PDB file of N, CA and C in Angstrom:
ATOM      1  N   MET A   1     158.272 109.814 116.406  1.00  0.00           N
ATOM      2  CA  MET A   1     157.124 109.840 115.519  1.00  0.00           C
ATOM      3  C   MET A   1     157.359 110.836 114.402  1.00  0.00           C
ATOM      4  N   ASN A   2     156.756 110.536 113.284  1.00  0.00           N
ATOM      5  CA  ASN A   2     156.934 111.464 112.171  1.00  0.00           C
ATOM      6  C   ASN A   2     155.756 112.438 112.082  1.00  0.00           C
ATOM      7  N   ALA A   3     155.797 113.325 111.109  1.00  0.00           N
ATOM      8  CA  ALA A   3     154.801 114.393 110.988  1.00  0.00           C
ATOM      9  C   ALA A   3     153.432 113.852 110.593  1.00  0.00           C
ATOM     10  N   ALA A   4     153.384 112.806 109.756  1.00  0.00           N
ATOM     11  CA  ALA A   4     152.115 112.232 109.319  1.00  0.00           C
ATOM     12  C   ALA A   4     151.369 111.609 110.499  1.00  0.00           C
ATOM     13  N   THR A   5     152.093 110.917 111.326  1.00  0.00           N
ATOM     14  CA  THR A   5     151.472 110.292 112.489  1.00  0.00           C
ATOM     15  C   THR A   5     150.972 111.345 113.469  1.00  0.00           C
ATOM     16  N   ASP A   6     151.739 112.416 113.634  1.00  0.00           N
ATOM     17  CA  ASP A   6     151.318 113.492 114.529  1.00  0.00           C
ATOM     18  C   ASP A   6     150.044 114.166 114.035  1.00  0.00           C
ATOM     19  N   SER A   7     149.944 114.383 112.720  1.00  0.00           N
ATOM     20  CA  SER A   7     148.747 115.034 112.187  1.00  0.00           C
ATOM     21  C   SER A   7     147.527 114.128 112.329  1.00  0.00           C
ATOM     22  N   THR A   8     147.717 112.824 112.159  1.00  0.00           N
ATOM     23  CA  THR A   8     146.613 111.884 112.340  1.00  0.00           C
ATOM     24  C   THR A   8     146.165 111.852 113.792  1.00  0.00           C
ATOM     25  N   MET A   9     147.097 111.836 114.693  1.00  0.00           N
ATOM     26  CA  MET A   9     146.766 111.825 116.116  1.00  0.00           C
ATOM     27  C   MET A   9     146.041 113.104 116.523  1.00  0.00           C
ATOM     28  N   ASN A  10     146.478 114.238 115.974  1.00  0.00           N
ATOM     29  CA  ASN A  10     145.819 115.504 116.289  1.00  0.00           C
ATOM     30  C   ASN A  10     144.389 115.535 115.750  1.00  0.00           C
ATOM     31  N   ALA A  11     144.194 114.960 114.536  1.00  0.00           N
ATOM     32  CA  ALA A  11     142.856 114.927 113.954  1.00  0.00           C
ATOM     33  C   ALA A  11     141.932 114.049 114.789  1.00  0.00           C
ATOM     34  N   LEU A  12     142.438 112.904 115.246  1.00  0.00           N
ATOM     35  CA  LEU A  12     141.622 112.033 116.095  1.00  0.00           C
ATOM     36  C   LEU A  12     141.320 112.690 117.428  1.00  0.00           C
ATOM     37  N   ALA A  13     142.286 113.362 117.980  1.00  0.00           N
ATOM     38  CA  ALA A  13     142.084 114.028 119.261  1.00  0.00           C
ATOM     39  C   ALA A  13     141.089 115.177 119.118  1.00  0.00           C
ATOM     40  N   ALA A  14     141.114 115.862 117.991  1.00  0.00           N
ATOM     41  CA  ALA A  14     140.190 116.975 117.779  1.00  0.00           C
ATOM     42  C   ALA A  14     138.765 116.459 117.639  1.00  0.00           C
ATOM     43  N   GLY A  15     138.599 115.281 117.007  1.00  0.00           N
ATOM     44  CA  GLY A  15     137.270 114.706 116.839  1.00  0.00           C
ATOM     45  C   GLY A  15     136.745 114.083 118.113  1.00  0.00           C
ATOM     46  N   ALA A  16     137.614 113.698 118.997  1.00  0.00           N
ATOM     47  CA  ALA A  16     137.192 113.022 120.215  1.00  0.00           C
ATOM     48  C   ALA A  16     136.553 113.972 121.223  1.00  0.00           C
ATOM     49  N   ASP A  17     136.872 115.238 121.145  1.00  0.00           N
ATOM     50  CA  ASP A  17     136.303 116.160 122.125  1.00  0.00           C
ATOM     51  C   ASP A  17     134.929 116.681 121.724  1.00  0.00           C
ATOM     52  N   LYS A  18     134.443 116.327 120.524  1.00  0.00           N
ATOM     53  CA  LYS A  18     133.102 116.737 120.106  1.00  0.00           C
ATOM     54  C   LYS A  18     132.066 115.825 120.762  1.00  0.00           C
ATOM     55  N   PRO A  19     130.872 116.346 121.065  1.00  0.00           N
ATOM     56  CA  PRO A  19     129.815 115.492 121.600  1.00  0.00           C
ATOM     57  C   PRO A  19     129.333 114.498 120.533  1.00  0.00           C
ATOM     58  N   TRP A  20     128.646 113.454 120.955  1.00  0.00           N
ATOM     59  CA  TRP A  20     128.281 112.382 120.043  1.00  0.00           C
ATOM     60  C   TRP A  20     127.346 112.838 118.918  1.00  0.00           C
ATOM     61  N   TRP A  21     126.524 113.847 119.167  1.00  0.00           N
ATOM     62  CA  TRP A  21     125.574 114.287 118.142  1.00  0.00           C
ATOM     63  C   TRP A  21     126.198 115.186 117.089  1.00  0.00           C
ATOM     64  N   ARG A  22     127.458 115.516 117.230  1.00  0.00           N
ATOM     65  CA  ARG A  22     128.152 116.357 116.257  1.00  0.00           C
ATOM     66  C   ARG A  22     128.878 115.542 115.185  1.00  0.00           C
ATOM     67  N   HIS A  23     128.797 114.222 115.229  1.00  0.00           N
ATOM     68  CA  HIS A  23     129.459 113.362 114.249  1.00  0.00           C
ATOM     69  C   HIS A  23     128.479 113.029 113.126  1.00  0.00           C
ATOM     70  N   PRO A  24     128.763 113.449 111.886  1.00  0.00           N
ATOM     71  CA  PRO A  24     127.806 113.219 110.797  1.00  0.00           C
ATOM     72  C   PRO A  24     127.635 111.738 110.454  1.00  0.00           C
ATOM     73  N   LEU A  25     128.659 110.923 110.620  1.00  0.00           N
ATOM     74  CA  LEU A  25     128.533 109.503 110.307  1.00  0.00           C
ATOM     75  C   LEU A  25     127.505 108.829 111.216  1.00  0.00           C
ATOM     76  N   LEU A  26     127.425 109.264 112.431  1.00  0.00           N
ATOM     77  CA  LEU A  26     126.438 108.715 113.360  1.00  0.00           C
ATOM     78  C   LEU A  26     125.027 108.954 112.828  1.00  0.00           C
ATOM     79  N   TRP A  27     124.759 110.131 112.314  1.00  0.00           N
ATOM     80  CA  TRP A  27     123.424 110.452 111.807  1.00  0.00           C
ATOM     81  C   TRP A  27     123.126 109.679 110.534  1.00  0.00           C
ATOM     82  N   MET A  28     124.154 109.369 109.750  1.00  0.00           N
ATOM     83  CA  MET A  28     123.931 108.542 108.562  1.00  0.00           C
ATOM     84  C   MET A  28     123.572 107.114 108.973  1.00  0.00           C
ATOM     85  N   VAL A  29     124.198 106.611 110.022  1.00  0.00           N
ATOM     86  CA  VAL A  29     123.901 105.253 110.494  1.00  0.00           C
ATOM     87  C   VAL A  29     122.519 105.193 111.132  1.00  0.00           C
ATOM     88  N   ILE A  30     122.150 106.178 111.895  1.00  0.00           N
ATOM     89  CA  ILE A  30     120.850 106.202 112.567  1.00  0.00           C
ATOM     90  C   ILE A  30     119.730 106.558 111.589  1.00  0.00           C
ATOM     91  N   GLY A  31     120.026 107.363 110.584  1.00  0.00           N
ATOM     92  CA  GLY A  31     118.994 107.866 109.675  1.00  0.00           C
ATOM     93  C   GLY A  31     118.305 106.790 108.865  1.00  0.00           C
ATOM     94  N   GLY A  32     119.035 105.767 108.423  1.00  0.00           N
ATOM     95  CA  GLY A  32     118.426 104.708 107.608  1.00  0.00           C
ATOM     96  C   GLY A  32     117.335 103.962 108.343  1.00  0.00           C
ATOM     97  N   PRO A  33     117.624 103.382 109.504  1.00  0.00           N
ATOM     98  CA  PRO A  33     116.560 102.672 110.232  1.00  0.00           C
ATOM     99  C   PRO A  33     115.406 103.577 110.663  1.00  0.00           C
ATOM    100  N   VAL A  34     115.693 104.812 111.012  1.00  0.00           N
ATOM    101  CA  VAL A  34     114.611 105.734 111.399  1.00  0.00           C
ATOM    102  C   VAL A  34     113.702 106.009 110.202  1.00  0.00           C
ATOM    103  N   ALA A  35     114.285 106.178 109.026  1.00  0.00           N
ATOM    104  CA  ALA A  35     113.475 106.410 107.822  1.00  0.00           C
ATOM    105  C   ALA A  35     112.602 105.193 107.513  1.00  0.00           C
ATOM    106  N   VAL A  36     113.135 104.000 107.702  1.00  0.00           N
ATOM    107  CA  VAL A  36     112.354 102.781 107.467  1.00  0.00           C
ATOM    108  C   VAL A  36     111.212 102.675 108.473  1.00  0.00           C
ATOM    109  N   MET A  37     111.464 103.020 109.717  1.00  0.00           N
ATOM    110  CA  MET A  37     110.396 102.968 110.722  1.00  0.00           C
ATOM    111  C   MET A  37     109.293 103.965 110.406  1.00  0.00           C
ATOM    112  N   ILE A  38     109.655 105.155 109.993  1.00  0.00           N
ATOM    113  CA  ILE A  38     108.642 106.158 109.632  1.00  0.00           C
ATOM    114  C   ILE A  38     107.830 105.672 108.439  1.00  0.00           C
ATOM    115  N   ALA A  39     108.509 105.112 107.433  1.00  0.00           N
ATOM    116  CA  ALA A  39     107.803 104.602 106.249  1.00  0.00           C
ATOM    117  C   ALA A  39     106.870 103.454 106.619  1.00  0.00           C
ATOM    118  N   SER A  40     107.269 102.602 107.562  1.00  0.00           N
ATOM    119  CA  SER A  40     106.385 101.503 107.961  1.00  0.00           C
ATOM    120  C   SER A  40     105.151 102.022 108.694  1.00  0.00           C
ATOM    121  N   PHE A  41     105.309 103.050 109.523  1.00  0.00           N
ATOM    122  CA  PHE A  41     104.143 103.627 110.197  1.00  0.00           C
ATOM    123  C   PHE A  41     103.200 104.303 109.201  1.00  0.00           C
ATOM    124  N   VAL A  42     103.756 104.966 108.199  1.00  0.00           N
ATOM    125  CA  VAL A  42     102.905 105.590 107.171  1.00  0.00           C
ATOM    126  C   VAL A  42     102.169 104.521 106.383  1.00  0.00           C
ATOM    127  N   THR A  43     102.851 103.430 106.047  1.00  0.00           N
ATOM    128  CA  THR A  43     102.201 102.339 105.324  1.00  0.00           C
ATOM    129  C   THR A  43     101.098 101.709 106.157  1.00  0.00           C
ATOM    130  N   PHE A  44     101.347 101.497 107.437  1.00  0.00           N
ATOM    131  CA  PHE A  44     100.321 100.949 108.318  1.00  0.00           C
ATOM    132  C   PHE A  44      99.123 101.884 108.407  1.00  0.00           C
ATOM    133  N   TRP A  45      99.373 103.174 108.518  1.00  0.00           N
ATOM    134  CA  TRP A  45      98.284 104.149 108.596  1.00  0.00           C
ATOM    135  C   TRP A  45      97.445 104.136 107.320  1.00  0.00           C
ATOM    136  N   LEU A  46      98.116 104.070 106.154  1.00  0.00           N
ATOM    137  CA  LEU A  46      97.369 104.031 104.894  1.00  0.00           C
ATOM    138  C   LEU A  46      96.541 102.754 104.785  1.00  0.00           C
ATOM    139  N   ALA A  47      97.093 101.630 105.204  1.00  0.00           N
ATOM    140  CA  ALA A  47      96.357 100.367 105.150  1.00  0.00           C
ATOM    141  C   ALA A  47      95.179 100.375 106.121  1.00  0.00           C
ATOM    142  N   TRP A  48      95.339 100.977 107.264  1.00  0.00           N
ATOM    143  CA  TRP A  48      94.269 101.034 108.261  1.00  0.00           C
ATOM    144  C   TRP A  48      93.164 101.993 107.832  1.00  0.00           C
ATOM    145  N   ARG A  49      93.544 103.091 107.198  1.00  0.00           N
ATOM    146  CA  ARG A  49      92.576 104.112 106.819  1.00  0.00           C
ATOM    147  C   ARG A  49      91.703 103.678 105.651  1.00  0.00           C
ATOM    148  N   SER A  50      92.249 102.969 104.681  1.00  0.00           N
ATOM    149  CA  SER A  50      91.480 102.586 103.496  1.00  0.00           C
ATOM    150  C   SER A  50      91.548 101.075 103.301  1.00  0.00           C
ATOM    151  N   PRO A  51      90.599 100.329 103.892  1.00  0.00           N
ATOM    152  CA  PRO A  51      90.615  98.867 103.766  1.00  0.00           C
ATOM    153  C   PRO A  51      90.273  98.427 102.342  1.00  0.00           C
ATOM    154  N   ASP A  52      90.668  97.217 102.004  1.00  0.00           N
ATOM    155  CA  ASP A  52      90.390  96.677 100.681  1.00  0.00           C
ATOM    156  C   ASP A  52      88.895  96.421 100.519  1.00  0.00           C
ATOM    157  N   ALA A  53      88.452  96.469  99.282  1.00  0.00           N
ATOM    158  CA  ALA A  53      87.051  96.173  98.998  1.00  0.00           C
ATOM    159  C   ALA A  53      86.818  94.673  99.133  1.00  0.00           C
ATOM    160  N   LEU A  54      85.628  94.306  99.605  1.00  0.00           N
ATOM    161  CA  LEU A  54      85.296  92.902  99.782  1.00  0.00           C
ATOM    162  C   LEU A  54      84.933  92.266  98.456  1.00  0.00           C
ATOM    163  N   VAL A  55      85.064  90.972  98.372  1.00  0.00           N
ATOM    164  CA  VAL A  55      84.657  90.237  97.185  1.00  0.00           C
ATOM    165  C   VAL A  55      83.139  90.253  97.131  1.00  0.00           C
ATOM    166  N   SER A  56      82.593  90.426  95.940  1.00  0.00           N
ATOM    167  CA  SER A  56      81.133  90.492  95.829  1.00  0.00           C
ATOM    168  C   SER A  56      80.522  89.137  96.177  1.00  0.00           C
ATOM    169  N   PRO A  57      79.309  89.139  96.720  1.00  0.00           N
ATOM    170  CA  PRO A  57      78.682  87.881  97.139  1.00  0.00           C
ATOM    171  C   PRO A  57      78.380  86.941  95.965  1.00  0.00           C
ATOM    172  N   ASP A  58      78.164  87.489  94.792  1.00  0.00           N
ATOM    173  CA  ASP A  58      77.866  86.638  93.638  1.00  0.00           C
ATOM    174  C   ASP A  58      79.069  86.562  92.690  1.00  0.00           C
ATOM    175  N   TYR A  59      80.235  86.296  93.261  1.00  0.00           N
ATOM    176  CA  TYR A  59      81.461  86.259  92.468  1.00  0.00           C
ATOM    177  C   TYR A  59      81.443  85.131  91.441  1.00  0.00           C
ATOM    178  N   TYR A  60      80.786  84.013  91.736  1.00  0.00           N
ATOM    179  CA  TYR A  60      80.774  82.886  90.812  1.00  0.00           C
ATOM    180  C   TYR A  60      80.001  83.235  89.547  1.00  0.00           C
ATOM    181  N   ARG A  61      78.849  83.879  89.711  1.00  0.00           N
ATOM    182  CA  ARG A  61      78.042  84.255  88.543  1.00  0.00           C
ATOM    183  C   ARG A  61      78.791  85.258  87.680  1.00  0.00           C
ATOM    184  N   GLU A  62      79.454  86.219  88.312  1.00  0.00           N
ATOM    185  CA  GLU A  62      80.229  87.196  87.546  1.00  0.00           C
ATOM    186  C   GLU A  62      81.366  86.527  86.785  1.00  0.00           C
ATOM    187  N   GLY A  63      82.001  85.539  87.393  1.00  0.00           N
ATOM    188  CA  GLY A  63      83.067  84.811  86.710  1.00  0.00           C
ATOM    189  C   GLY A  63      82.549  84.042  85.505  1.00  0.00           C
ATOM    190  N   VAL A  64      81.369  83.437  85.642  1.00  0.00           N
ATOM    191  CA  VAL A  64      80.769  82.709  84.519  1.00  0.00           C
ATOM    192  C   VAL A  64      80.460  83.674  83.374  1.00  0.00           C
ATOM    193  N   GLU A  65      79.960  84.863  83.696  1.00  0.00           N
ATOM    194  CA  GLU A  65      79.671  85.854  82.655  1.00  0.00           C
ATOM    195  C   GLU A  65      80.946  86.310  81.948  1.00  0.00           C
ATOM    196  N   ILE A  66      82.018  86.488  82.698  1.00  0.00           N
ATOM    197  CA  ILE A  66      83.293  86.877  82.085  1.00  0.00           C
ATOM    198  C   ILE A  66      83.786  85.778  81.155  1.00  0.00           C
ATOM    199  N   ASN A  67      83.662  84.515  81.586  1.00  0.00           N
ATOM    200  CA  ASN A  67      84.097  83.404  80.730  1.00  0.00           C
ATOM    201  C   ASN A  67      83.275  83.322  79.449  1.00  0.00           C
ATOM    202  N   LYS A  68      81.988  83.606  79.549  1.00  0.00           N
ATOM    203  CA  LYS A  68      81.151  83.596  78.347  1.00  0.00           C
ATOM    204  C   LYS A  68      81.566  84.697  77.383  1.00  0.00           C
ATOM    205  N   ALA A  69      81.877  85.880  77.915  1.00  0.00           N
ATOM    206  CA  ALA A  69      82.306  86.989  77.060  1.00  0.00           C
ATOM    207  C   ALA A  69      83.637  86.669  76.391  1.00  0.00           C
ATOM    208  N   LEU A  70      84.548  86.045  77.125  1.00  0.00           N
ATOM    209  CA  LEU A  70      85.838  85.683  76.532  1.00  0.00           C
ATOM    210  C   LEU A  70      85.688  84.585  75.487  1.00  0.00           C
ATOM    211  N   ALA A  71      84.775  83.644  75.709  1.00  0.00           N
ATOM    212  CA  ALA A  71      84.548  82.581  74.728  1.00  0.00           C
ATOM    213  C   ALA A  71      83.985  83.154  73.439  1.00  0.00           C
ATOM    214  N   ALA A  72      83.138  84.172  73.534  1.00  0.00           N
ATOM    215  CA  ALA A  72      82.586  84.791  72.330  1.00  0.00           C
ATOM    216  C   ALA A  72      83.677  85.532  71.562  1.00  0.00           C
ATOM    217  N   LYS A  73      84.640  86.110  72.265  1.00  0.00           N
ATOM    218  CA  LYS A  73      85.715  86.832  71.592  1.00  0.00           C
ATOM    219  C   LYS A  73      86.735  85.888  70.969  1.00  0.00           C
ATOM    220  N   LYS A  74      86.731  84.625  71.371  1.00  0.00           N
ATOM    221  CA  LYS A  74      87.701  83.676  70.837  1.00  0.00           C
ATOM    222  C   LYS A  74      87.471  83.436  69.340  1.00  0.00           C
ATOM    223  N   HIS A  75      86.243  83.559  68.884  1.00  0.00           N
ATOM    224  CA  HIS A  75      85.914  83.299  67.488  1.00  0.00           C
ATOM    225  C   HIS A  75      86.055  84.539  66.605  1.00  0.00           C
ATOM    226  N   LEU A  76      86.441  85.678  67.161  1.00  0.00           N
ATOM    227  CA  LEU A  76      86.543  86.904  66.377  1.00  0.00           C
ATOM    228  C   LEU A  76      87.543  86.814  65.223  1.00  0.00           C
ATOM    229  N   PRO A  77      88.717  86.205  65.356  1.00  0.00           N
ATOM    230  CA  PRO A  77      89.603  86.130  64.193  1.00  0.00           C
ATOM    231  C   PRO A  77      88.986  85.372  63.023  1.00  0.00           C
ATOM    232  N   ALA A  78      88.234  84.313  63.296  1.00  0.00           N
ATOM    233  CA  ALA A  78      87.596  83.560  62.215  1.00  0.00           C
ATOM    234  C   ALA A  78      86.517  84.395  61.549  1.00  0.00           C
ATOM    235  N   LEU A  79      85.760  85.125  62.339  1.00  0.00           N
ATOM    236  CA  LEU A  79      84.711  85.968  61.757  1.00  0.00           C
ATOM    237  C   LEU A  79      85.315  87.091  60.924  1.00  0.00           C
ATOM    238  N   THR A  80      86.432  87.664  61.394  1.00  0.00           N
ATOM    239  CA  THR A  80      87.087  88.732  60.652  1.00  0.00           C
ATOM    240  C   THR A  80      87.608  88.211  59.320  1.00  0.00           C
ATOM    241  N   GLY A  81      88.202  87.033  59.327  1.00  0.00           N
ATOM    242  CA  GLY A  81      88.707  86.443  58.079  1.00  0.00           C
ATOM    243  C   GLY A  81      87.578  86.152  57.109  1.00  0.00           C
ATOM    244  N   ARG A  82      86.461  85.673  57.596  1.00  0.00           N
ATOM    245  CA  ARG A  82      85.327  85.395  56.734  1.00  0.00           C
ATOM    246  C   ARG A  82      84.799  86.682  56.112  1.00  0.00           C
ATOM    247  N   ASN A  83      84.755  87.754  56.915  1.00  0.00           N
ATOM    248  CA  ASN A  83      84.260  89.022  56.393  1.00  0.00           C
ATOM    249  C   ASN A  83      85.192  89.579  55.318  1.00  0.00           C
ATOM    250  N   HIS A  84      86.493  89.412  55.477  1.00  0.00           N
ATOM    251  CA  HIS A  84      87.419  89.885  54.455  1.00  0.00           C
ATOM    252  C   HIS A  84      87.326  89.049  53.189  1.00  0.00           C
ATOM    253  N   ALA A  85      87.022  87.782  53.322  1.00  0.00           N
ATOM    254  CA  ALA A  85      86.884  86.934  52.141  1.00  0.00           C
ATOM    255  C   ALA A  85      85.646  87.328  51.352  1.00  0.00           C
ATOM    256  N   MET A  86      84.659  87.869  52.005  1.00  0.00           N
ATOM    257  CA  MET A  86      83.415  88.253  51.340  1.00  0.00           C
ATOM    258  C   MET A  86      83.457  89.675  50.784  1.00  0.00           C
ATOM    259  N   THR A  87      84.556  90.436  51.013  1.00  0.00           N
ATOM    260  CA  THR A  87      84.649  91.815  50.554  1.00  0.00           C
ATOM    261  C   THR A  87      84.826  91.836  49.039  1.00  0.00           C
ATOM    262  N   PRO A  88      84.072  92.668  48.331  1.00  0.00           N
ATOM    263  CA  PRO A  88      84.241  92.758  46.873  1.00  0.00           C
ATOM    264  C   PRO A  88      85.641  93.274  46.514  1.00  0.00           C
ATOM    265  N   ALA A  89      86.121  92.892  45.357  1.00  0.00           N
ATOM    266  CA  ALA A  89      87.481  93.220  44.925  1.00  0.00           C
ATOM    267  C   ALA A  89      87.678  94.731  44.766  1.00  0.00           C
ATOM    268  N   GLU A  90      86.658  95.458  44.368  1.00  0.00           N
ATOM    269  CA  GLU A  90      86.826  96.904  44.174  1.00  0.00           C
ATOM    270  C   GLU A  90      86.939  97.658  45.503  1.00  0.00           C
ATOM    271  N   ASP A  91      86.515  97.069  46.597  1.00  0.00           N
ATOM    272  CA  ASP A  91      86.624  97.720  47.904  1.00  0.00           C
ATOM    273  C   ASP A  91      87.966  97.451  48.590  1.00  0.00           C
ATOM    274  N   VAL A  92      88.759  96.533  48.086  1.00  0.00           N
ATOM    275  CA  VAL A  92      90.041  96.193  48.698  1.00  0.00           C
ATOM    276  C   VAL A  92      91.067  97.231  48.241  1.00  0.00           C
ATOM    277  N   PRO A  93      91.799  97.865  49.170  1.00  0.00           N
ATOM    278  CA  PRO A  93      92.821  98.851  48.769  1.00  0.00           C
ATOM    279  C   PRO A  93      93.977  98.149  48.070  1.00  0.00           C
ATOM    280  N   SER A  94      94.581  98.873  47.123  1.00  0.00           N
ATOM    281  CA  SER A  94      95.700  98.294  46.385  1.00  0.00           C
ATOM    282  C   SER A  94      96.928  98.206  47.303  1.00  0.00           C
ATOM    283  N   VAL A  95      97.719  97.179  47.073  1.00  0.00           N
ATOM    284  CA  VAL A  95      98.861  96.913  47.920  1.00  0.00           C
ATOM    285  C   VAL A  95     100.078  97.716  47.453  1.00  0.00           C
ATOM    286  N   GLY A  96     100.168  98.047  46.165  1.00  0.00           N
ATOM    287  CA  GLY A  96     101.332  98.742  45.610  1.00  0.00           C
ATOM    288  C   GLY A  96     101.469 100.169  46.132  1.00  0.00           C
ATOM    289  N   ARG A  97     102.659 100.734  45.948  1.00  0.00           N
ATOM    290  CA  ARG A  97     102.913 102.115  46.379  1.00  0.00           C
ATOM    291  C   ARG A  97     102.345 103.088  45.368  1.00  0.00           C
ATOM    292  N   LYS A  98     101.862 104.169  45.863  1.00  0.00           N
ATOM    293  CA  LYS A  98     101.369 105.215  44.983  1.00  0.00           C
ATOM    294  C   LYS A  98     102.501 106.171  44.661  1.00  0.00           C
ATOM    295  N   ALA A  99     102.470 106.755  43.504  1.00  0.00           N
ATOM    296  CA  ALA A  99     103.514 107.708  43.103  1.00  0.00           C
ATOM    297  C   ALA A  99     103.346 108.998  43.863  1.00  0.00           C
ATOM    298  N   ALA A 100     104.441 109.594  44.241  1.00  0.00           N
ATOM    299  CA  ALA A 100     104.405 110.863  44.950  1.00  0.00           C
ATOM    300  C   ALA A 100     103.938 111.958  44.026  1.00  0.00           C
ATOM    301  N   PRO A 101     103.132 112.904  44.483  1.00  0.00           N
ATOM    302  CA  PRO A 101     102.617 113.973  43.600  1.00  0.00           C
ATOM    303  C   PRO A 101     103.672 114.973  43.227  1.00  0.00           C
TER     304      PRO A 101
END
């Protein structure tokens, strides 16, 4: 055997006499699933502690009111254009650039 093989064998033999909890790779493998389990229990606790709000009993009427409000806002661009068409010429700001002072 050569020196490289001997050093590898010695390194493996040195690691083999350590107890299982002294290997850092083991804790990296175990740590991921344990972290996920803890996160799932925290999520379950948060969901159990604060339940969602119930739908209001008159949800249909509220929806109709929202639709009416949105329908009224649909005509706003036309009303805005009409108001600008009715603006007197002296109130309209000039489009050109002003000279720097």
